[in-house]
All heavy atoms as atom14 arrays in JSON, in Angstrom:
{
  "sequence": "TELDIIQNVEQAQITVVDASERIQAAQTAVASAQENFRLAQGRFDAG",
  "atom14_mask": [
    [1, 1, 1, 1, 1, 1, 1, 0, 0, 0, 0, 0, 0, 0],
    [1, 1, 1, 1, 1, 1, 1, 1, 1, 0, 0, 0, 0, 0],
    [1, 1, 1, 1, 1, 1, 1, 1, 0, 0, 0, 0, 0, 0],
    [1, 1, 1, 1, 1, 1, 1, 1, 0, 0, 0, 0, 0, 0],
    [1, 1, 1, 1, 1, 1, 1, 1, 0, 0, 0, 0, 0, 0],
    [1, 1, 1, 1, 1, 1, 1, 1, 0, 0, 0, 0, 0, 0],
    [1, 1, 1, 1, 1, 1, 1, 1, 1, 0, 0, 0, 0, 0],
    [1, 1, 1, 1, 1, 1, 1, 1, 0, 0, 0, 0, 0, 0],
    [1, 1, 1, 1, 1, 1, 1, 0, 0, 0, 0, 0, 0, 0],
    [1, 1, 1, 1, 1, 1, 1, 1, 1, 0, 0, 0, 0, 0],
    [1, 1, 1, 1, 1, 1, 1, 1, 1, 0, 0, 0, 0, 0],
    [1, 1, 1, 1, 1, 0, 0, 0, 0, 0, 0, 0, 0, 0],
    [1, 1, 1, 1, 1, 1, 1, 1, 1, 0, 0, 0, 0, 0],
    [1, 1, 1, 1, 1, 1, 1, 1, 0, 0, 0, 0, 0, 0],
    [1, 1, 1, 1, 1, 1, 1, 0, 0, 0, 0, 0, 0, 0],
    [1, 1, 1, 1, 1, 1, 1, 0, 0, 0, 0, 0, 0, 0],
    [1, 1, 1, 1, 1, 1, 1, 0, 0, 0, 0, 0, 0, 0],
    [1, 1, 1, 1, 1, 1, 1, 1, 0, 0, 0, 0, 0, 0],
    [1, 1, 1, 1, 1, 0, 0, 0, 0, 0, 0, 0, 0, 0],
    [1, 1, 1, 1, 1, 1, 0, 0, 0, 0, 0, 0, 0, 0],
    [1, 1, 1, 1, 1, 1, 1, 1, 1, 0, 0, 0, 0, 0],
    [1, 1, 1, 1, 1, 1, 1, 1, 1, 1, 1, 0, 0, 0],
    [1, 1, 1, 1, 1, 1, 1, 1, 0, 0, 0, 0, 0, 0],
    [1, 1, 1, 1, 1, 1, 1, 1, 1, 0, 0, 0, 0, 0],
    [1, 1, 1, 1, 1, 0, 0, 0, 0, 0, 0, 0, 0, 0],
    [1, 1, 1, 1, 1, 0, 0, 0, 0, 0, 0, 0, 0, 0],
    [1, 1, 1, 1, 1, 1, 1, 1, 1, 0, 0, 0, 0, 0],
    [1, 1, 1, 1, 1, 1, 1, 0, 0, 0, 0, 0, 0, 0],
    [1, 1, 1, 1, 1, 0, 0, 0, 0, 0, 0, 0, 0, 0],
    [1, 1, 1, 1, 1, 1, 1, 0, 0, 0, 0, 0, 0, 0],
    [1, 1, 1, 1, 1, 0, 0, 0, 0, 0, 0, 0, 0, 0],
    [1, 1, 1, 1, 1, 1, 0, 0, 0, 0, 0, 0, 0, 0],
    [1, 1, 1, 1, 1, 0, 0, 0, 0, 0, 0, 0, 0, 0],
    [1, 1, 1, 1, 1, 1, 1, 1, 1, 0, 0, 0, 0, 0],
    [1, 1, 1, 1, 1, 1, 1, 1, 1, 0, 0, 0, 0, 0],
    [1, 1, 1, 1, 1, 1, 1, 1, 0, 0, 0, 0, 0, 0],
    [1, 1, 1, 1, 1, 1, 1, 1, 1, 1, 1, 0, 0, 0],
    [1, 1, 1, 1, 1, 1, 1, 1, 1, 1, 1, 0, 0, 0],
    [1, 1, 1, 1, 1, 1, 1, 1, 0, 0, 0, 0, 0, 0],
    [1, 1, 1, 1, 1, 0, 0, 0, 0, 0, 0, 0, 0, 0],
    [1, 1, 1, 1, 1, 1, 1, 1, 1, 0, 0, 0, 0, 0],
    [1, 1, 1, 1, 0, 0, 0, 0, 0, 0, 0, 0, 0, 0],
    [1, 1, 1, 1, 1, 1, 1, 1, 1, 1, 1, 0, 0, 0],
    [1, 1, 1, 1, 1, 1, 1, 1, 1, 1, 1, 0, 0, 0],
    [1, 1, 1, 1, 1, 1, 1, 1, 0, 0, 0, 0, 0, 0],
    [1, 1, 1, 1, 1, 0, 0, 0, 0, 0, 0, 0, 0, 0],
    [1, 1, 1, 1, 0, 0, 0, 0, 0, 0, 0, 0, 0, 0]
  ],
  "atom14_positions": [
    [[80.8, 79.75, 151.65], [81.56, 79.43, 150.47], [81.41, 80.56, 149.49], [82.28, 80.9, 148.74], [81.11, 78.12, 149.74], [81.18, 77.09, 150.78], [81.97, 77.74, 148.59], [0.0, 0.0, 0.0], [0.0, 0.0, 0.0], [0.0, 0.0, 0.0], [0.0, 0.0, 0.0], [0.0, 0.0, 0.0], [0.0, 0.0, 0.0], [0.0, 0.0, 0.0]],
    [[80.2, 81.09, 149.3], [79.94, 82.19, 148.39], [80.9, 83.48, 148.73], [81.4, 83.96, 147.86], [78.43, 82.6, 148.39], [78.13, 83.72, 147.5], [76.66, 84.08, 147.54], [75.85, 83.29, 148.21], [76.32, 85.19, 147.03], [0.0, 0.0, 0.0], [0.0, 0.0, 0.0], [0.0, 0.0, 0.0], [0.0, 0.0, 0.0], [0.0, 0.0, 0.0]],
    [[80.96, 83.67, 150.08], [81.72, 84.87, 150.39], [83.21, 84.65, 150.06], [83.88, 85.57, 149.74], [81.55, 85.1, 151.95], [80.16, 85.55, 152.36], [79.99, 85.75, 153.78], [79.76, 86.99, 151.72], [0.0, 0.0, 0.0], [0.0, 0.0, 0.0], [0.0, 0.0, 0.0], [0.0, 0.0, 0.0], [0.0, 0.0, 0.0], [0.0, 0.0, 0.0]],
    [[83.63, 83.33, 150.4], [85.06, 83.0, 150.14], [85.35, 83.19, 148.64], [86.51, 83.59, 148.27], [85.37, 81.58, 150.77], [85.32, 81.45, 152.15], [85.48, 82.51, 152.8], [85.23, 80.32, 152.62], [0.0, 0.0, 0.0], [0.0, 0.0, 0.0], [0.0, 0.0, 0.0], [0.0, 0.0, 0.0], [0.0, 0.0, 0.0], [0.0, 0.0, 0.0]],
    [[84.38, 82.64, 147.74], [84.66, 82.79, 146.4], [84.71, 84.19, 145.91], [85.6, 84.58, 145.17], [83.66, 82.0, 145.64], [83.81, 80.57, 145.87], [83.61, 82.29, 144.13], [82.72, 79.7, 145.23], [0.0, 0.0, 0.0], [0.0, 0.0, 0.0], [0.0, 0.0, 0.0], [0.0, 0.0, 0.0], [0.0, 0.0, 0.0], [0.0, 0.0, 0.0]],
    [[83.83, 85.13, 146.38], [83.78, 86.51, 146.04], [85.18, 87.1, 146.45], [85.71, 87.93, 145.67], [82.56, 87.12, 146.59], [81.33, 86.55, 146.04], [82.61, 88.72, 146.42], [80.02, 87.15, 146.56], [0.0, 0.0, 0.0], [0.0, 0.0, 0.0], [0.0, 0.0, 0.0], [0.0, 0.0, 0.0], [0.0, 0.0, 0.0], [0.0, 0.0, 0.0]],
    [[85.57, 86.86, 147.6], [86.77, 87.43, 148.23], [87.89, 86.98, 147.28], [88.83, 87.69, 146.91], [87.0, 87.06, 149.59], [88.3, 87.59, 150.21], [88.63, 87.07, 151.62], [88.03, 86.09, 152.03], [89.42, 87.67, 152.32], [0.0, 0.0, 0.0], [0.0, 0.0, 0.0], [0.0, 0.0, 0.0], [0.0, 0.0, 0.0], [0.0, 0.0, 0.0]],
    [[87.91, 85.69, 146.97], [89.03, 85.11, 146.13], [89.09, 85.79, 144.77], [90.17, 86.07, 144.35], [88.79, 83.55, 146.02], [90.11, 82.85, 145.39], [89.81, 81.92, 144.67], [91.21, 83.35, 145.55], [0.0, 0.0, 0.0], [0.0, 0.0, 0.0], [0.0, 0.0, 0.0], [0.0, 0.0, 0.0], [0.0, 0.0, 0.0], [0.0, 0.0, 0.0]],
    [[87.88, 85.93, 144.12], [87.91, 86.74, 142.96], [88.39, 88.11, 142.98], [89.17, 88.55, 142.18], [86.4, 86.5, 142.3], [86.27, 87.5, 141.04], [85.98, 85.19, 141.83], [0.0, 0.0, 0.0], [0.0, 0.0, 0.0], [0.0, 0.0, 0.0], [0.0, 0.0, 0.0], [0.0, 0.0, 0.0], [0.0, 0.0, 0.0], [0.0, 0.0, 0.0]],
    [[87.83, 88.85, 144.05], [88.28, 90.26, 144.14], [89.92, 90.3, 144.34], [90.42, 91.17, 143.75], [87.46, 90.78, 145.27], [85.95, 91.03, 145.04], [85.76, 91.81, 143.83], [86.44, 92.96, 143.55], [84.81, 91.61, 143.03], [0.0, 0.0, 0.0], [0.0, 0.0, 0.0], [0.0, 0.0, 0.0], [0.0, 0.0, 0.0], [0.0, 0.0, 0.0]],
    [[90.3, 89.46, 145.11], [91.73, 89.46, 145.49], [92.58, 89.23, 144.21], [93.64, 89.78, 143.87], [92.07, 88.41, 146.53], [91.69, 88.88, 148.02], [92.02, 87.87, 149.07], [92.15, 86.72, 148.72], [91.98, 88.22, 150.26], [0.0, 0.0, 0.0], [0.0, 0.0, 0.0], [0.0, 0.0, 0.0], [0.0, 0.0, 0.0], [0.0, 0.0, 0.0]],
    [[92.09, 88.2, 143.42], [92.78, 87.84, 142.14], [92.76, 88.95, 141.13], [93.76, 89.33, 140.55], [92.02, 86.59, 141.51], [0.0, 0.0, 0.0], [0.0, 0.0, 0.0], [0.0, 0.0, 0.0], [0.0, 0.0, 0.0], [0.0, 0.0, 0.0], [0.0, 0.0, 0.0], [0.0, 0.0, 0.0], [0.0, 0.0, 0.0], [0.0, 0.0, 0.0]],
    [[91.52, 89.61, 141.12], [91.58, 90.79, 140.2], [92.49, 92.04, 140.71], [93.15, 92.58, 139.77], [90.13, 91.32, 140.05], [89.18, 90.37, 139.37], [87.83, 91.02, 139.3], [87.43, 91.55, 138.32], [86.94, 90.58, 140.31], [0.0, 0.0, 0.0], [0.0, 0.0, 0.0], [0.0, 0.0, 0.0], [0.0, 0.0, 0.0], [0.0, 0.0, 0.0]],
    [[92.49, 92.28, 141.91], [93.33, 93.18, 142.35], [94.83, 92.89, 142.18], [95.66, 93.86, 141.77], [93.18, 93.44, 144.01], [91.79, 94.06, 144.25], [94.28, 94.35, 144.51], [91.26, 94.09, 145.63], [0.0, 0.0, 0.0], [0.0, 0.0, 0.0], [0.0, 0.0, 0.0], [0.0, 0.0, 0.0], [0.0, 0.0, 0.0], [0.0, 0.0, 0.0]],
    [[95.14, 91.62, 142.35], [96.53, 91.19, 142.07], [96.92, 91.38, 140.57], [98.07, 91.77, 140.17], [96.78, 89.64, 142.5], [96.35, 89.62, 143.96], [98.22, 89.31, 142.24], [0.0, 0.0, 0.0], [0.0, 0.0, 0.0], [0.0, 0.0, 0.0], [0.0, 0.0, 0.0], [0.0, 0.0, 0.0], [0.0, 0.0, 0.0], [0.0, 0.0, 0.0]],
    [[96.02, 91.03, 139.82], [96.23, 91.21, 138.19], [96.57, 92.7, 137.91], [97.38, 93.18, 137.12], [95.1, 90.78, 137.44], [95.2, 91.29, 135.93], [94.95, 89.26, 137.42], [0.0, 0.0, 0.0], [0.0, 0.0, 0.0], [0.0, 0.0, 0.0], [0.0, 0.0, 0.0], [0.0, 0.0, 0.0], [0.0, 0.0, 0.0], [0.0, 0.0, 0.0]],
    [[95.71, 93.62, 138.47], [95.84, 95.07, 138.24], [97.11, 95.53, 138.84], [98.03, 96.34, 138.12], [94.68, 95.74, 138.85], [94.86, 97.31, 138.65], [93.28, 95.49, 138.15], [0.0, 0.0, 0.0], [0.0, 0.0, 0.0], [0.0, 0.0, 0.0], [0.0, 0.0, 0.0], [0.0, 0.0, 0.0], [0.0, 0.0, 0.0], [0.0, 0.0, 0.0]],
    [[97.52, 95.1, 140.11], [98.77, 95.48, 140.71], [100.07, 95.05, 139.85], [100.88, 95.86, 139.59], [98.82, 94.93, 142.05], [100.15, 95.12, 142.78], [100.49, 96.21, 143.11], [100.85, 94.14, 142.82], [0.0, 0.0, 0.0], [0.0, 0.0, 0.0], [0.0, 0.0, 0.0], [0.0, 0.0, 0.0], [0.0, 0.0, 0.0], [0.0, 0.0, 0.0]],
    [[99.99, 93.91, 139.39], [101.04, 93.33, 138.56], [101.1, 94.09, 137.28], [102.33, 94.42, 136.76], [100.97, 91.84, 138.34], [0.0, 0.0, 0.0], [0.0, 0.0, 0.0], [0.0, 0.0, 0.0], [0.0, 0.0, 0.0], [0.0, 0.0, 0.0], [0.0, 0.0, 0.0], [0.0, 0.0, 0.0], [0.0, 0.0, 0.0], [0.0, 0.0, 0.0]],
    [[100.08, 94.38, 136.71], [100.0, 95.14, 135.39], [100.64, 96.51, 135.59], [101.48, 97.06, 134.81], [98.68, 95.24, 134.87], [98.66, 96.1, 133.75], [0.0, 0.0, 0.0], [0.0, 0.0, 0.0], [0.0, 0.0, 0.0], [0.0, 0.0, 0.0], [0.0, 0.0, 0.0], [0.0, 0.0, 0.0], [0.0, 0.0, 0.0], [0.0, 0.0, 0.0]],
    [[100.24, 97.3, 136.66], [100.81, 98.48, 137.0], [102.42, 98.49, 137.27], [103.21, 99.29, 136.88], [100.11, 99.24, 138.1], [98.62, 99.64, 137.76], [97.88, 100.09, 139.02], [98.4, 99.88, 140.07], [96.81, 100.51, 138.86], [0.0, 0.0, 0.0], [0.0, 0.0, 0.0], [0.0, 0.0, 0.0], [0.0, 0.0, 0.0], [0.0, 0.0, 0.0]],
    [[102.75, 97.27, 137.92], [104.22, 97.19, 138.2], [104.98, 96.91, 137.02], [106.19, 97.34, 136.91], [104.42, 96.04, 139.23], [103.99, 96.49, 140.72], [104.46, 95.51, 141.75], [103.72, 94.16, 141.69], [104.31, 93.03, 141.47], [105.67, 93.07, 141.13], [103.74, 91.98, 141.4], [0.0, 0.0, 0.0], [0.0, 0.0, 0.0], [0.0, 0.0, 0.0]],
    [[104.39, 96.15, 136.03], [105.1, 95.99, 134.78], [105.46, 97.37, 134.13], [106.51, 97.57, 133.63], [104.3, 95.03, 133.83], [104.39, 93.61, 134.43], [104.96, 95.02, 132.45], [103.39, 92.74, 133.7], [0.0, 0.0, 0.0], [0.0, 0.0, 0.0], [0.0, 0.0, 0.0], [0.0, 0.0, 0.0], [0.0, 0.0, 0.0], [0.0, 0.0, 0.0]],
    [[104.51, 98.18, 134.12], [104.66, 99.51, 133.27], [105.63, 100.27, 134.07], [106.52, 101.06, 133.37], [103.26, 100.22, 133.21], [102.28, 99.45, 132.39], [100.93, 100.13, 132.47], [100.79, 101.24, 132.41], [99.84, 99.19, 132.41], [0.0, 0.0, 0.0], [0.0, 0.0, 0.0], [0.0, 0.0, 0.0], [0.0, 0.0, 0.0], [0.0, 0.0, 0.0]],
    [[105.49, 100.34, 135.34], [106.6, 101.08, 136.16], [107.92, 100.5, 135.93], [109.01, 101.32, 135.98], [106.14, 101.03, 137.61], [0.0, 0.0, 0.0], [0.0, 0.0, 0.0], [0.0, 0.0, 0.0], [0.0, 0.0, 0.0], [0.0, 0.0, 0.0], [0.0, 0.0, 0.0], [0.0, 0.0, 0.0], [0.0, 0.0, 0.0], [0.0, 0.0, 0.0]],
    [[108.07, 99.18, 135.95], [109.33, 98.52, 135.96], [110.06, 98.88, 134.61], [111.23, 99.05, 134.48], [109.26, 97.14, 136.18], [0.0, 0.0, 0.0], [0.0, 0.0, 0.0], [0.0, 0.0, 0.0], [0.0, 0.0, 0.0], [0.0, 0.0, 0.0], [0.0, 0.0, 0.0], [0.0, 0.0, 0.0], [0.0, 0.0, 0.0], [0.0, 0.0, 0.0]],
    [[109.16, 98.79, 133.56], [109.73, 98.98, 132.2], [110.25, 100.38, 132.13], [111.43, 100.62, 131.48], [108.71, 98.7, 131.12], [108.25, 97.41, 131.03], [106.96, 97.14, 129.91], [106.38, 98.1, 129.71], [106.88, 95.8, 129.65], [0.0, 0.0, 0.0], [0.0, 0.0, 0.0], [0.0, 0.0, 0.0], [0.0, 0.0, 0.0], [0.0, 0.0, 0.0]],
    [[109.79, 101.38, 132.7], [110.17, 102.75, 132.81], [111.55, 102.8, 133.53], [112.46, 103.38, 133.08], [109.12, 103.71, 133.34], [107.8, 103.62, 132.51], [109.74, 105.19, 133.26], [0.0, 0.0, 0.0], [0.0, 0.0, 0.0], [0.0, 0.0, 0.0], [0.0, 0.0, 0.0], [0.0, 0.0, 0.0], [0.0, 0.0, 0.0], [0.0, 0.0, 0.0]],
    [[111.48, 102.03, 134.65], [112.72, 102.12, 135.57], [113.85, 101.42, 134.64], [115.06, 101.86, 134.83], [112.5, 101.37, 136.83], [0.0, 0.0, 0.0], [0.0, 0.0, 0.0], [0.0, 0.0, 0.0], [0.0, 0.0, 0.0], [0.0, 0.0, 0.0], [0.0, 0.0, 0.0], [0.0, 0.0, 0.0], [0.0, 0.0, 0.0], [0.0, 0.0, 0.0]],
    [[113.56, 100.36, 133.98], [114.66, 99.73, 133.12], [115.29, 100.61, 132.09], [116.5, 100.77, 131.89], [114.15, 98.45, 132.52], [115.12, 97.87, 131.51], [113.87, 97.34, 133.64], [0.0, 0.0, 0.0], [0.0, 0.0, 0.0], [0.0, 0.0, 0.0], [0.0, 0.0, 0.0], [0.0, 0.0, 0.0], [0.0, 0.0, 0.0], [0.0, 0.0, 0.0]],
    [[114.44, 101.39, 131.43], [114.86, 102.33, 130.45], [115.78, 103.43, 131.09], [116.85, 103.77, 130.58], [113.74, 102.97, 129.63], [0.0, 0.0, 0.0], [0.0, 0.0, 0.0], [0.0, 0.0, 0.0], [0.0, 0.0, 0.0], [0.0, 0.0, 0.0], [0.0, 0.0, 0.0], [0.0, 0.0, 0.0], [0.0, 0.0, 0.0], [0.0, 0.0, 0.0]],
    [[115.33, 104.04, 132.31], [116.11, 104.92, 132.89], [117.5, 104.36, 133.62], [118.37, 105.09, 133.34], [115.29, 105.6, 134.11], [114.11, 106.1, 133.63], [0.0, 0.0, 0.0], [0.0, 0.0, 0.0], [0.0, 0.0, 0.0], [0.0, 0.0, 0.0], [0.0, 0.0, 0.0], [0.0, 0.0, 0.0], [0.0, 0.0, 0.0], [0.0, 0.0, 0.0]],
    [[117.43, 103.24, 134.03], [118.66, 102.59, 134.53], [119.57, 102.21, 133.44], [120.86, 102.33, 133.63], [118.24, 101.34, 135.37], [0.0, 0.0, 0.0], [0.0, 0.0, 0.0], [0.0, 0.0, 0.0], [0.0, 0.0, 0.0], [0.0, 0.0, 0.0], [0.0, 0.0, 0.0], [0.0, 0.0, 0.0], [0.0, 0.0, 0.0], [0.0, 0.0, 0.0]],
    [[119.09, 101.82, 132.31], [120.05, 101.56, 131.11], [120.79, 102.72, 130.68], [121.95, 102.9, 130.51], [119.3, 100.98, 130.0], [118.88, 99.47, 130.19], [117.99, 99.0, 129.08], [117.44, 99.8, 128.37], [117.92, 97.67, 128.83], [0.0, 0.0, 0.0], [0.0, 0.0, 0.0], [0.0, 0.0, 0.0], [0.0, 0.0, 0.0], [0.0, 0.0, 0.0]],
    [[120.05, 103.96, 130.5], [120.56, 105.24, 130.25], [121.61, 105.63, 131.38], [122.74, 106.2, 131.01], [119.56, 106.28, 130.06], [120.02, 107.58, 129.76], [120.76, 107.66, 128.39], [120.69, 106.67, 127.58], [121.46, 108.62, 128.05], [0.0, 0.0, 0.0], [0.0, 0.0, 0.0], [0.0, 0.0, 0.0], [0.0, 0.0, 0.0], [0.0, 0.0, 0.0]],
    [[121.26, 105.48, 132.62], [122.19, 106.0, 133.73], [123.43, 105.06, 133.66], [124.5, 105.62, 133.9], [121.44, 105.77, 135.02], [122.29, 106.21, 136.17], [122.89, 107.28, 136.14], [122.3, 105.42, 137.19], [0.0, 0.0, 0.0], [0.0, 0.0, 0.0], [0.0, 0.0, 0.0], [0.0, 0.0, 0.0], [0.0, 0.0, 0.0], [0.0, 0.0, 0.0]],
    [[123.32, 103.77, 133.43], [124.52, 102.87, 133.4], [125.41, 103.23, 132.23], [126.51, 103.35, 132.29], [124.09, 101.43, 133.24], [125.26, 100.55, 132.97], [126.15, 100.22, 134.06], [125.49, 99.97, 131.78], [127.07, 99.44, 133.95], [126.57, 99.05, 131.64], [127.45, 98.84, 132.6], [0.0, 0.0, 0.0], [0.0, 0.0, 0.0], [0.0, 0.0, 0.0]],
    [[124.71, 103.72, 131.09], [125.62, 104.02, 129.84], [126.33, 105.28, 130.19], [127.52, 105.45, 129.8], [124.59, 104.23, 128.63], [125.28, 104.51, 127.31], [124.27, 104.88, 126.3], [123.68, 106.17, 126.6], [124.19, 107.38, 126.35], [125.48, 107.47, 125.8], [123.58, 108.44, 126.59], [0.0, 0.0, 0.0], [0.0, 0.0, 0.0], [0.0, 0.0, 0.0]],
    [[125.74, 106.29, 130.74], [126.46, 107.46, 131.18], [127.57, 107.14, 132.19], [128.63, 107.73, 132.05], [125.53, 108.48, 131.62], [124.45, 109.06, 130.71], [123.3, 109.89, 131.29], [124.98, 109.72, 129.51], [0.0, 0.0, 0.0], [0.0, 0.0, 0.0], [0.0, 0.0, 0.0], [0.0, 0.0, 0.0], [0.0, 0.0, 0.0], [0.0, 0.0, 0.0]],
    [[127.18, 106.49, 133.08], [128.23, 106.08, 134.28], [129.33, 105.3, 133.55], [130.66, 105.48, 133.99], [127.61, 105.27, 135.32], [0.0, 0.0, 0.0], [0.0, 0.0, 0.0], [0.0, 0.0, 0.0], [0.0, 0.0, 0.0], [0.0, 0.0, 0.0], [0.0, 0.0, 0.0], [0.0, 0.0, 0.0], [0.0, 0.0, 0.0], [0.0, 0.0, 0.0]],
    [[129.03, 104.43, 132.66], [130.19, 103.59, 132.0], [131.1, 104.56, 131.16], [132.27, 104.41, 131.15], [129.53, 102.62, 131.02], [130.53, 101.68, 130.28], [131.06, 100.74, 131.23], [130.44, 99.85, 131.72], [132.39, 100.72, 131.45], [0.0, 0.0, 0.0], [0.0, 0.0, 0.0], [0.0, 0.0, 0.0], [0.0, 0.0, 0.0], [0.0, 0.0, 0.0]],
    [[130.37, 105.5, 130.46], [131.26, 106.49, 129.64], [132.12, 107.36, 130.48], [133.26, 107.65, 130.11], [0.0, 0.0, 0.0], [0.0, 0.0, 0.0], [0.0, 0.0, 0.0], [0.0, 0.0, 0.0], [0.0, 0.0, 0.0], [0.0, 0.0, 0.0], [0.0, 0.0, 0.0], [0.0, 0.0, 0.0], [0.0, 0.0, 0.0], [0.0, 0.0, 0.0]],
    [[131.53, 107.77, 131.7], [132.44, 108.59, 132.52], [133.56, 107.79, 133.1], [134.75, 108.33, 133.21], [131.53, 109.18, 133.7], [130.6, 110.32, 133.08], [129.96, 111.04, 134.22], [129.15, 110.21, 135.13], [127.83, 109.99, 134.99], [127.29, 110.68, 133.94], [127.23, 109.3, 135.74], [0.0, 0.0, 0.0], [0.0, 0.0, 0.0], [0.0, 0.0, 0.0]],
    [[133.3, 106.6, 133.45], [134.33, 105.77, 134.0], [135.41, 105.37, 132.97], [136.55, 105.67, 133.31], [133.79, 104.49, 134.64], [134.87, 103.64, 135.25], [135.28, 103.86, 136.55], [135.35, 102.49, 134.58], [136.23, 103.12, 137.13], [136.3, 101.73, 135.15], [136.71, 101.93, 136.45], [0.0, 0.0, 0.0], [0.0, 0.0, 0.0], [0.0, 0.0, 0.0]],
    [[134.97, 105.19, 131.85], [135.92, 104.8, 130.73], [136.84, 106.07, 130.36], [137.91, 106.0, 130.02], [135.37, 104.34, 129.49], [134.61, 102.96, 129.71], [135.16, 102.3, 130.74], [133.7, 102.53, 128.93], [0.0, 0.0, 0.0], [0.0, 0.0, 0.0], [0.0, 0.0, 0.0], [0.0, 0.0, 0.0], [0.0, 0.0, 0.0], [0.0, 0.0, 0.0]],
    [[136.17, 107.22, 130.6], [136.88, 108.49, 130.3], [137.83, 109.03, 131.35], [138.48, 109.88, 131.2], [135.85, 109.69, 129.88], [0.0, 0.0, 0.0], [0.0, 0.0, 0.0], [0.0, 0.0, 0.0], [0.0, 0.0, 0.0], [0.0, 0.0, 0.0], [0.0, 0.0, 0.0], [0.0, 0.0, 0.0], [0.0, 0.0, 0.0], [0.0, 0.0, 0.0]],
    [[137.63, 108.35, 132.54], [138.41, 108.66, 133.62], [138.06, 109.78, 134.45], [138.65, 110.24, 135.39], [0.0, 0.0, 0.0], [0.0, 0.0, 0.0], [0.0, 0.0, 0.0], [0.0, 0.0, 0.0], [0.0, 0.0, 0.0], [0.0, 0.0, 0.0], [0.0, 0.0, 0.0], [0.0, 0.0, 0.0], [0.0, 0.0, 0.0], [0.0, 0.0, 0.0]]
  ]
}
């Protein structure tokens, strides 16, 4: 049980760090995608 608990704790911490890093990367990706869509929208509207 002790080994299971330690494994469970370590896995939970790794998952927290992983999700935190993915949030930061995703926020950067959203900003880039918004700018790319704005440019594509302008080019399309301009023909």
